[in-house]
Amino acid sequence: MREARRREGSYLLRSNVAGSDPAQLRAFYLLLVEVEQAFKELKGDLAIRPIYRQTDERIEAHIFVAFLAYWLQVTLKQRLRSLAPGLTPRSVLEKMAAIQMVDVYLPTTDGRTVTLSRYTEPEANQAILLQQLKLSLPAQPPPRITAAEVPGSA
């Protein structure tokens, strides 16, 4: 029992690499843990799954978008660590998912269309979270007016 208590909070690394500095092996192991965690987050939280692409450009674009998503998640995690400890990126994204962007199309009497792009106003708990993270939503975009289509021009 004393032996078990003495080992609590510690772990043993076993390696087939001989003659290396133990501190360097530990650093490699911690790096491996971080990489495995990154792949776990890519598969879980970001829901990135294998997608089969046909061209090199599309493959590179898919990898780029996945990397950007991961980078944003890591950035959010670091921001949460300093400004809102105890929150996870997943919980913040779930809470903020209720804020949506909506396009409202209003036809005019002269055949044009006014498009109002609006996001929903944050609820009280979302506003508090935005304030805690020192973030603010952008201003509502101005309305867009599109001209009437000329018959036969399509």
N, C-alpha and C. Protein backbone atom coordinates (compact mmCIF):
# COMPACT_ATOMS: atom_id res chain seq x y z
N MET A 1 0.83 -1.19 0.00
CA MET A 1 0.00 0.00 0.00
C MET A 1 0.87 1.25 0.00
N ARG A 2 1.96 1.23 0.78
CA ARG A 2 2.87 2.37 0.81
C ARG A 2 3.50 2.60 -0.56
N GLU A 3 3.84 1.52 -1.24
CA GLU A 3 4.43 1.62 -2.57
C GLU A 3 3.45 2.26 -3.56
N ALA A 4 2.18 1.87 -3.49
CA ALA A 4 1.16 2.44 -4.38
C ALA A 4 0.98 3.93 -4.10
N ARG A 5 0.94 4.32 -2.84
CA ARG A 5 0.79 5.73 -2.49
C ARG A 5 2.01 6.55 -2.92
N ARG A 6 3.19 5.94 -2.82
CA ARG A 6 4.40 6.64 -3.21
C ARG A 6 4.41 6.94 -4.71
N ARG A 7 3.79 6.09 -5.51
CA ARG A 7 3.78 6.27 -6.97
C ARG A 7 2.60 7.09 -7.48
N GLU A 8 1.68 7.45 -6.62
CA GLU A 8 0.55 8.26 -7.06
C GLU A 8 1.04 9.59 -7.61
N GLY A 9 0.46 9.99 -8.75
CA GLY A 9 0.85 11.26 -9.35
C GLY A 9 2.08 11.17 -10.22
N SER A 10 2.61 9.99 -10.40
CA SER A 10 3.77 9.83 -11.27
C SER A 10 3.49 8.72 -12.27
N TYR A 11 4.26 8.70 -13.30
CA TYR A 11 4.09 7.66 -14.31
C TYR A 11 5.45 7.23 -14.81
N LEU A 12 5.46 6.10 -15.44
CA LEU A 12 6.69 5.51 -15.94
C LEU A 12 6.62 5.45 -17.46
N LEU A 13 7.63 5.99 -18.12
CA LEU A 13 7.71 5.92 -19.57
C LEU A 13 8.69 4.81 -19.93
N ARG A 14 8.26 3.99 -20.83
CA ARG A 14 9.10 2.89 -21.29
C ARG A 14 9.37 3.12 -22.77
N SER A 15 10.62 3.02 -23.18
CA SER A 15 10.97 3.31 -24.55
C SER A 15 11.99 2.31 -25.07
N ASN A 16 11.99 2.14 -26.38
CA ASN A 16 13.01 1.29 -26.99
C ASN A 16 14.20 2.12 -27.48
N VAL A 17 14.17 3.43 -27.23
CA VAL A 17 15.27 4.31 -27.60
C VAL A 17 16.30 4.28 -26.48
N ALA A 18 17.49 3.81 -26.81
CA ALA A 18 18.53 3.68 -25.79
C ALA A 18 19.51 4.85 -25.89
N GLY A 19 20.04 5.25 -24.76
CA GLY A 19 21.08 6.26 -24.73
C GLY A 19 20.61 7.69 -24.90
N SER A 20 19.31 7.94 -24.84
CA SER A 20 18.81 9.31 -24.97
C SER A 20 18.62 9.93 -23.60
N ASP A 21 18.60 11.25 -23.59
CA ASP A 21 18.37 11.99 -22.37
C ASP A 21 16.93 11.77 -21.91
N PRO A 22 16.70 11.36 -20.67
CA PRO A 22 15.32 11.13 -20.19
C PRO A 22 14.43 12.37 -20.32
N ALA A 23 15.00 13.55 -20.12
CA ALA A 23 14.19 14.78 -20.25
C ALA A 23 13.73 14.96 -21.69
N GLN A 24 14.59 14.61 -22.65
CA GLN A 24 14.22 14.72 -24.06
C GLN A 24 13.14 13.69 -24.42
N LEU A 25 13.25 12.48 -23.89
CA LEU A 25 12.23 11.46 -24.12
C LEU A 25 10.89 11.91 -23.55
N ARG A 26 10.91 12.51 -22.38
CA ARG A 26 9.68 13.01 -21.77
C ARG A 26 9.08 14.12 -22.63
N ALA A 27 9.93 15.03 -23.16
CA ALA A 27 9.44 16.11 -24.02
C ALA A 27 8.81 15.53 -25.29
N PHE A 28 9.43 14.50 -25.86
CA PHE A 28 8.86 13.84 -27.05
C PHE A 28 7.50 13.22 -26.72
N TYR A 29 7.42 12.60 -25.55
CA TYR A 29 6.17 11.98 -25.14
C TYR A 29 5.07 13.03 -24.98
N LEU A 30 5.38 14.15 -24.34
CA LEU A 30 4.39 15.21 -24.16
C LEU A 30 3.97 15.80 -25.50
N LEU A 31 4.90 15.91 -26.44
CA LEU A 31 4.56 16.37 -27.78
C LEU A 31 3.63 15.39 -28.46
N LEU A 32 3.90 14.10 -28.29
CA LEU A 32 3.03 13.07 -28.86
C LEU A 32 1.62 13.17 -28.27
N VAL A 33 1.53 13.40 -26.98
CA VAL A 33 0.22 13.56 -26.33
C VAL A 33 -0.52 14.76 -26.92
N GLU A 34 0.19 15.87 -27.15
CA GLU A 34 -0.45 17.06 -27.73
C GLU A 34 -0.94 16.79 -29.15
N VAL A 35 -0.15 16.09 -29.94
CA VAL A 35 -0.56 15.78 -31.32
C VAL A 35 -1.78 14.86 -31.31
N GLU A 36 -1.77 13.84 -30.44
CA GLU A 36 -2.93 12.95 -30.35
C GLU A 36 -4.17 13.71 -29.90
N GLN A 37 -4.01 14.66 -28.98
CA GLN A 37 -5.14 15.47 -28.53
C GLN A 37 -5.66 16.33 -29.68
N ALA A 38 -4.74 16.86 -30.49
CA ALA A 38 -5.16 17.68 -31.64
C ALA A 38 -6.00 16.85 -32.61
N PHE A 39 -5.58 15.63 -32.91
CA PHE A 39 -6.37 14.78 -33.80
C PHE A 39 -7.71 14.41 -33.17
N LYS A 40 -7.71 14.19 -31.87
CA LYS A 40 -8.97 13.89 -31.18
C LYS A 40 -9.93 15.06 -31.30
N GLU A 41 -9.43 16.28 -31.12
CA GLU A 41 -10.27 17.47 -31.24
C GLU A 41 -10.74 17.66 -32.68
N LEU A 42 -9.87 17.40 -33.64
CA LEU A 42 -10.27 17.54 -35.04
C LEU A 42 -11.40 16.57 -35.37
N LYS A 43 -11.31 15.37 -34.86
CA LYS A 43 -12.34 14.37 -35.15
C LYS A 43 -13.60 14.60 -34.33
N GLY A 44 -13.45 15.02 -33.09
CA GLY A 44 -14.60 15.15 -32.19
C GLY A 44 -15.25 16.51 -32.25
N ASP A 45 -14.62 17.49 -31.62
CA ASP A 45 -15.21 18.81 -31.48
C ASP A 45 -15.44 19.49 -32.83
N LEU A 46 -14.49 19.37 -33.73
CA LEU A 46 -14.61 20.05 -35.01
C LEU A 46 -15.32 19.20 -36.06
N ALA A 47 -15.59 17.95 -35.75
CA ALA A 47 -16.33 17.03 -36.63
C ALA A 47 -15.70 16.92 -38.01
N ILE A 48 -14.37 16.90 -38.05
CA ILE A 48 -13.67 16.73 -39.33
C ILE A 48 -13.47 15.25 -39.55
N ARG A 49 -14.00 14.76 -40.62
CA ARG A 49 -13.95 13.35 -40.97
C ARG A 49 -13.22 13.19 -42.30
N PRO A 50 -12.82 11.99 -42.61
CA PRO A 50 -12.19 11.80 -43.93
C PRO A 50 -13.17 12.16 -45.05
N ILE A 51 -12.70 12.99 -45.93
CA ILE A 51 -13.47 13.36 -47.10
C ILE A 51 -12.56 13.08 -48.29
N TYR A 52 -13.07 12.37 -49.24
CA TYR A 52 -12.24 11.96 -50.36
C TYR A 52 -12.33 13.00 -51.47
N ARG A 53 -11.18 13.56 -51.81
CA ARG A 53 -11.08 14.60 -52.83
C ARG A 53 -10.40 14.02 -54.06
N GLN A 54 -10.69 14.62 -55.21
CA GLN A 54 -10.16 14.10 -56.47
C GLN A 54 -8.93 14.84 -56.97
N THR A 55 -8.78 16.12 -56.61
CA THR A 55 -7.65 16.88 -57.13
C THR A 55 -6.76 17.34 -55.98
N ASP A 56 -5.49 17.60 -56.32
CA ASP A 56 -4.54 18.06 -55.30
C ASP A 56 -4.97 19.39 -54.70
N GLU A 57 -5.52 20.28 -55.53
CA GLU A 57 -5.95 21.59 -55.03
C GLU A 57 -7.04 21.44 -53.98
N ARG A 58 -7.98 20.55 -54.22
CA ARG A 58 -9.08 20.35 -53.25
C ARG A 58 -8.57 19.68 -51.98
N ILE A 59 -7.63 18.77 -52.13
CA ILE A 59 -7.04 18.13 -50.94
C ILE A 59 -6.34 19.18 -50.09
N GLU A 60 -5.53 20.01 -50.73
CA GLU A 60 -4.81 21.06 -50.01
C GLU A 60 -5.78 22.05 -49.36
N ALA A 61 -6.85 22.39 -50.08
CA ALA A 61 -7.84 23.32 -49.52
C ALA A 61 -8.51 22.71 -48.30
N HIS A 62 -8.84 21.41 -48.37
CA HIS A 62 -9.48 20.74 -47.24
C HIS A 62 -8.55 20.72 -46.03
N ILE A 63 -7.29 20.42 -46.25
CA ILE A 63 -6.32 20.41 -45.15
C ILE A 63 -6.17 21.81 -44.57
N PHE A 64 -6.14 22.81 -45.44
CA PHE A 64 -6.00 24.19 -44.99
C PHE A 64 -7.18 24.61 -44.12
N VAL A 65 -8.39 24.29 -44.54
CA VAL A 65 -9.58 24.65 -43.76
C VAL A 65 -9.58 23.90 -42.43
N ALA A 66 -9.20 22.63 -42.44
CA ALA A 66 -9.13 21.86 -41.19
C ALA A 66 -8.09 22.46 -40.25
N PHE A 67 -6.95 22.86 -40.81
CA PHE A 67 -5.91 23.48 -39.99
C PHE A 67 -6.39 24.80 -39.41
N LEU A 68 -7.06 25.62 -40.21
CA LEU A 68 -7.60 26.89 -39.71
C LEU A 68 -8.59 26.66 -38.57
N ALA A 69 -9.46 25.68 -38.74
CA ALA A 69 -10.43 25.37 -37.69
C ALA A 69 -9.71 24.95 -36.40
N TYR A 70 -8.70 24.13 -36.54
CA TYR A 70 -7.94 23.70 -35.36
C TYR A 70 -7.23 24.90 -34.73
N TRP A 71 -6.63 25.75 -35.55
CA TRP A 71 -5.91 26.91 -35.04
C TRP A 71 -6.86 27.83 -34.28
N LEU A 72 -8.05 28.05 -34.81
CA LEU A 72 -9.04 28.88 -34.11
C LEU A 72 -9.45 28.26 -32.79
N GLN A 73 -9.58 26.93 -32.78
CA GLN A 73 -9.97 26.27 -31.54
C GLN A 73 -8.87 26.39 -30.49
N VAL A 74 -7.62 26.24 -30.89
CA VAL A 74 -6.50 26.37 -29.95
C VAL A 74 -6.42 27.81 -29.44
N THR A 75 -6.63 28.77 -30.32
CA THR A 75 -6.62 30.18 -29.92
C THR A 75 -7.73 30.45 -28.91
N LEU A 76 -8.91 29.91 -29.17
CA LEU A 76 -10.02 30.08 -28.22
C LEU A 76 -9.69 29.42 -26.89
N LYS A 77 -9.08 28.24 -26.94
CA LYS A 77 -8.72 27.54 -25.69
C LYS A 77 -7.74 28.39 -24.87
N GLN A 78 -6.75 28.99 -25.51
CA GLN A 78 -5.79 29.84 -24.80
C GLN A 78 -6.47 31.07 -24.21
N ARG A 79 -7.37 31.66 -24.99
CA ARG A 79 -8.11 32.84 -24.50
C ARG A 79 -8.98 32.47 -23.31
N LEU A 80 -9.63 31.31 -23.38
CA LEU A 80 -10.47 30.86 -22.27
C LEU A 80 -9.63 30.59 -21.02
N ARG A 81 -8.45 30.05 -21.21
CA ARG A 81 -7.58 29.72 -20.07
C ARG A 81 -7.28 30.98 -19.25
N SER A 82 -7.07 32.12 -19.94
CA SER A 82 -6.71 33.33 -19.20
C SER A 82 -7.92 34.17 -18.79
N LEU A 83 -8.99 34.17 -19.60
CA LEU A 83 -10.12 35.07 -19.33
C LEU A 83 -11.34 34.40 -18.71
N ALA A 84 -11.51 33.12 -18.98
CA ALA A 84 -12.67 32.41 -18.44
C ALA A 84 -12.28 30.97 -18.10
N PRO A 85 -11.45 30.80 -17.08
CA PRO A 85 -11.01 29.44 -16.75
C PRO A 85 -12.19 28.54 -16.40
N GLY A 86 -12.07 27.31 -16.78
CA GLY A 86 -13.14 26.34 -16.52
C GLY A 86 -14.03 26.11 -17.72
N LEU A 87 -14.05 27.03 -18.67
CA LEU A 87 -14.84 26.83 -19.89
C LEU A 87 -14.00 26.13 -20.94
N THR A 88 -14.66 25.34 -21.76
CA THR A 88 -13.98 24.67 -22.85
C THR A 88 -14.43 25.29 -24.17
N PRO A 89 -13.62 25.15 -25.22
CA PRO A 89 -14.06 25.66 -26.52
C PRO A 89 -15.39 25.06 -26.96
N ARG A 90 -15.59 23.79 -26.68
CA ARG A 90 -16.85 23.14 -27.06
C ARG A 90 -18.04 23.81 -26.39
N SER A 91 -17.93 24.10 -25.09
CA SER A 91 -19.06 24.70 -24.38
C SER A 91 -19.34 26.12 -24.90
N VAL A 92 -18.29 26.86 -25.24
CA VAL A 92 -18.48 28.21 -25.77
C VAL A 92 -19.15 28.15 -27.14
N LEU A 93 -18.68 27.23 -27.99
CA LEU A 93 -19.27 27.11 -29.33
C LEU A 93 -20.73 26.68 -29.25
N GLU A 94 -21.05 25.78 -28.32
CA GLU A 94 -22.44 25.35 -28.16
C GLU A 94 -23.31 26.52 -27.70
N LYS A 95 -22.78 27.32 -26.77
CA LYS A 95 -23.55 28.46 -26.28
C LYS A 95 -23.73 29.52 -27.37
N MET A 96 -22.69 29.76 -28.16
CA MET A 96 -22.76 30.80 -29.20
C MET A 96 -23.48 30.33 -30.46
N ALA A 97 -23.74 29.05 -30.58
CA ALA A 97 -24.42 28.53 -31.78
C ALA A 97 -25.83 29.09 -31.93
N ALA A 98 -26.39 29.59 -30.84
CA ALA A 98 -27.75 30.14 -30.91
C ALA A 98 -27.78 31.49 -31.63
N ILE A 99 -26.63 32.15 -31.73
CA ILE A 99 -26.57 33.41 -32.48
C ILE A 99 -26.48 33.03 -33.96
N GLN A 100 -27.46 33.49 -34.72
CA GLN A 100 -27.53 33.12 -36.14
C GLN A 100 -27.58 34.35 -37.01
N MET A 101 -27.16 34.16 -38.26
CA MET A 101 -27.25 35.22 -39.26
C MET A 101 -28.46 34.93 -40.12
N VAL A 102 -29.28 35.95 -40.33
CA VAL A 102 -30.53 35.78 -41.06
C VAL A 102 -30.56 36.81 -42.19
N ASP A 103 -30.98 36.39 -43.38
CA ASP A 103 -31.21 37.32 -44.49
C ASP A 103 -32.71 37.52 -44.64
N VAL A 104 -33.13 38.79 -44.60
CA VAL A 104 -34.53 39.13 -44.79
C VAL A 104 -34.63 39.83 -46.15
N TYR A 105 -35.47 39.27 -47.03
CA TYR A 105 -35.66 39.82 -48.37
C TYR A 105 -36.98 40.58 -48.40
N LEU A 106 -36.90 41.85 -48.78
CA LEU A 106 -38.09 42.69 -48.85
C LEU A 106 -38.26 43.19 -50.29
N PRO A 107 -39.30 42.73 -50.98
CA PRO A 107 -39.51 43.23 -52.35
C PRO A 107 -40.05 44.66 -52.30
N THR A 108 -39.64 45.45 -53.28
CA THR A 108 -40.14 46.83 -53.37
C THR A 108 -41.18 46.91 -54.47
N THR A 109 -41.89 48.01 -54.52
CA THR A 109 -42.95 48.17 -55.52
C THR A 109 -42.40 48.34 -56.93
N ASP A 110 -41.13 48.74 -57.06
CA ASP A 110 -40.55 48.92 -58.39
C ASP A 110 -39.78 47.69 -58.88
N GLY A 111 -39.94 46.56 -58.21
CA GLY A 111 -39.34 45.30 -58.66
C GLY A 111 -37.97 45.00 -58.08
N ARG A 112 -37.40 45.91 -57.34
CA ARG A 112 -36.10 45.64 -56.72
C ARG A 112 -36.31 44.89 -55.40
N THR A 113 -35.21 44.41 -54.85
CA THR A 113 -35.28 43.69 -53.58
C THR A 113 -34.30 44.31 -52.60
N VAL A 114 -34.76 44.56 -51.39
CA VAL A 114 -33.90 45.03 -50.31
C VAL A 114 -33.56 43.81 -49.46
N THR A 115 -32.26 43.57 -49.27
CA THR A 115 -31.82 42.44 -48.45
C THR A 115 -31.21 42.97 -47.17
N LEU A 116 -31.77 42.55 -46.04
CA LEU A 116 -31.26 42.92 -44.72
C LEU A 116 -30.61 41.68 -44.11
N SER A 117 -29.30 41.72 -43.98
CA SER A 117 -28.59 40.63 -43.30
C SER A 117 -28.47 41.03 -41.84
N ARG A 118 -29.00 40.21 -40.97
CA ARG A 118 -29.01 40.52 -39.54
C ARG A 118 -28.65 39.29 -38.75
N TYR A 119 -27.89 39.50 -37.67
CA TYR A 119 -27.67 38.41 -36.73
C TYR A 119 -28.59 38.62 -35.54
N THR A 120 -28.95 37.50 -34.93
CA THR A 120 -29.85 37.58 -33.78
C THR A 120 -29.11 38.21 -32.60
N GLU A 121 -29.82 38.94 -31.81
CA GLU A 121 -29.21 39.57 -30.64
C GLU A 121 -28.84 38.50 -29.62
N PRO A 122 -27.66 38.62 -29.01
CA PRO A 122 -27.27 37.62 -28.01
C PRO A 122 -28.16 37.69 -26.77
N GLU A 123 -28.41 36.52 -26.21
CA GLU A 123 -29.15 36.46 -24.95
C GLU A 123 -28.23 36.96 -23.83
N ALA A 124 -28.79 37.10 -22.65
CA ALA A 124 -28.04 37.68 -21.53
C ALA A 124 -26.77 36.88 -21.22
N ASN A 125 -26.88 35.55 -21.16
CA ASN A 125 -25.70 34.75 -20.82
C ASN A 125 -24.66 34.78 -21.94
N GLN A 126 -25.10 34.91 -23.19
CA GLN A 126 -24.15 35.03 -24.30
C GLN A 126 -23.44 36.39 -24.24
N ALA A 127 -24.20 37.43 -23.91
CA ALA A 127 -23.61 38.77 -23.80
C ALA A 127 -22.56 38.80 -22.69
N ILE A 128 -22.85 38.14 -21.58
CA ILE A 128 -21.88 38.08 -20.48
C ILE A 128 -20.62 37.35 -20.92
N LEU A 129 -20.79 36.25 -21.65
CA LEU A 129 -19.64 35.48 -22.13
C LEU A 129 -18.81 36.31 -23.11
N LEU A 130 -19.48 37.02 -24.02
CA LEU A 130 -18.76 37.88 -24.96
C LEU A 130 -17.97 38.96 -24.22
N GLN A 131 -18.59 39.52 -23.20
CA GLN A 131 -17.92 40.56 -22.41
C GLN A 131 -16.72 39.97 -21.66
N GLN A 132 -16.89 38.78 -21.09
CA GLN A 132 -15.81 38.13 -20.35
C GLN A 132 -14.63 37.83 -21.27
N LEU A 133 -14.91 37.45 -22.51
CA LEU A 133 -13.85 37.12 -23.47
C LEU A 133 -13.33 38.36 -24.20
N LYS A 134 -13.88 39.53 -23.85
CA LYS A 134 -13.50 40.79 -24.47
C LYS A 134 -13.70 40.76 -25.98
N LEU A 135 -14.85 40.23 -26.38
CA LEU A 135 -15.23 40.16 -27.80
C LEU A 135 -16.49 40.98 -28.00
N SER A 136 -16.68 41.45 -29.21
CA SER A 136 -17.92 42.13 -29.53
C SER A 136 -18.35 41.71 -30.93
N LEU A 137 -19.64 41.68 -31.11
CA LEU A 137 -20.17 41.35 -32.44
C LEU A 137 -20.00 42.55 -33.35
N PRO A 138 -19.79 42.31 -34.64
CA PRO A 138 -19.66 43.44 -35.56
C PRO A 138 -20.99 44.18 -35.70
N ALA A 139 -20.91 45.37 -36.23
CA ALA A 139 -22.13 46.14 -36.47
C ALA A 139 -22.99 45.40 -37.50
N GLN A 140 -24.29 45.59 -37.38
CA GLN A 140 -25.19 44.97 -38.36
C GLN A 140 -24.83 45.53 -39.74
N PRO A 141 -24.74 44.67 -40.77
CA PRO A 141 -24.38 45.17 -42.10
C PRO A 141 -25.48 46.05 -42.68
N PRO A 142 -25.10 46.97 -43.56
CA PRO A 142 -26.12 47.84 -44.16
C PRO A 142 -26.99 47.06 -45.15
N PRO A 143 -28.18 47.56 -45.44
CA PRO A 143 -29.05 46.87 -46.40
C PRO A 143 -28.44 46.89 -47.80
N ARG A 144 -28.75 45.86 -48.58
CA ARG A 144 -28.33 45.79 -49.98
C ARG A 144 -29.58 45.87 -50.85
N ILE A 145 -29.46 46.60 -51.92
CA ILE A 145 -30.58 46.70 -52.86
C ILE A 145 -30.14 46.10 -54.18
N THR A 146 -30.90 45.13 -54.66
CA THR A 146 -30.59 44.51 -55.95
C THR A 146 -31.62 44.97 -56.97
N ALA A 147 -31.12 45.19 -58.17
CA ALA A 147 -31.99 45.68 -59.25
C ALA A 147 -32.94 44.59 -59.70
N ALA A 148 -34.02 45.02 -60.30
CA ALA A 148 -35.00 44.08 -60.85
C ALA A 148 -34.37 43.36 -62.04
N GLU A 149 -34.70 42.09 -62.19
CA GLU A 149 -34.20 41.33 -63.34
C GLU A 149 -34.96 41.73 -64.59
N VAL A 150 -34.22 41.88 -65.67
CA VAL A 150 -34.83 42.20 -66.96
C VAL A 150 -35.32 40.90 -67.58
N PRO A 151 -36.59 40.83 -68.00
CA PRO A 151 -37.10 39.58 -68.58
C PRO A 151 -36.27 39.15 -69.79
N GLY A 152 -35.93 37.86 -69.82
CA GLY A 152 -35.19 37.28 -70.95
C GLY A 152 -33.69 37.47 -70.85
N SER A 153 -33.17 38.05 -69.75
CA SER A 153 -31.73 38.26 -69.63
C SER A 153 -31.03 37.11 -68.92
N ALA A 154 -31.77 36.16 -68.40
CA ALA A 154 -31.18 35.06 -67.67
C ALA A 154 -30.64 34.12 -68.65
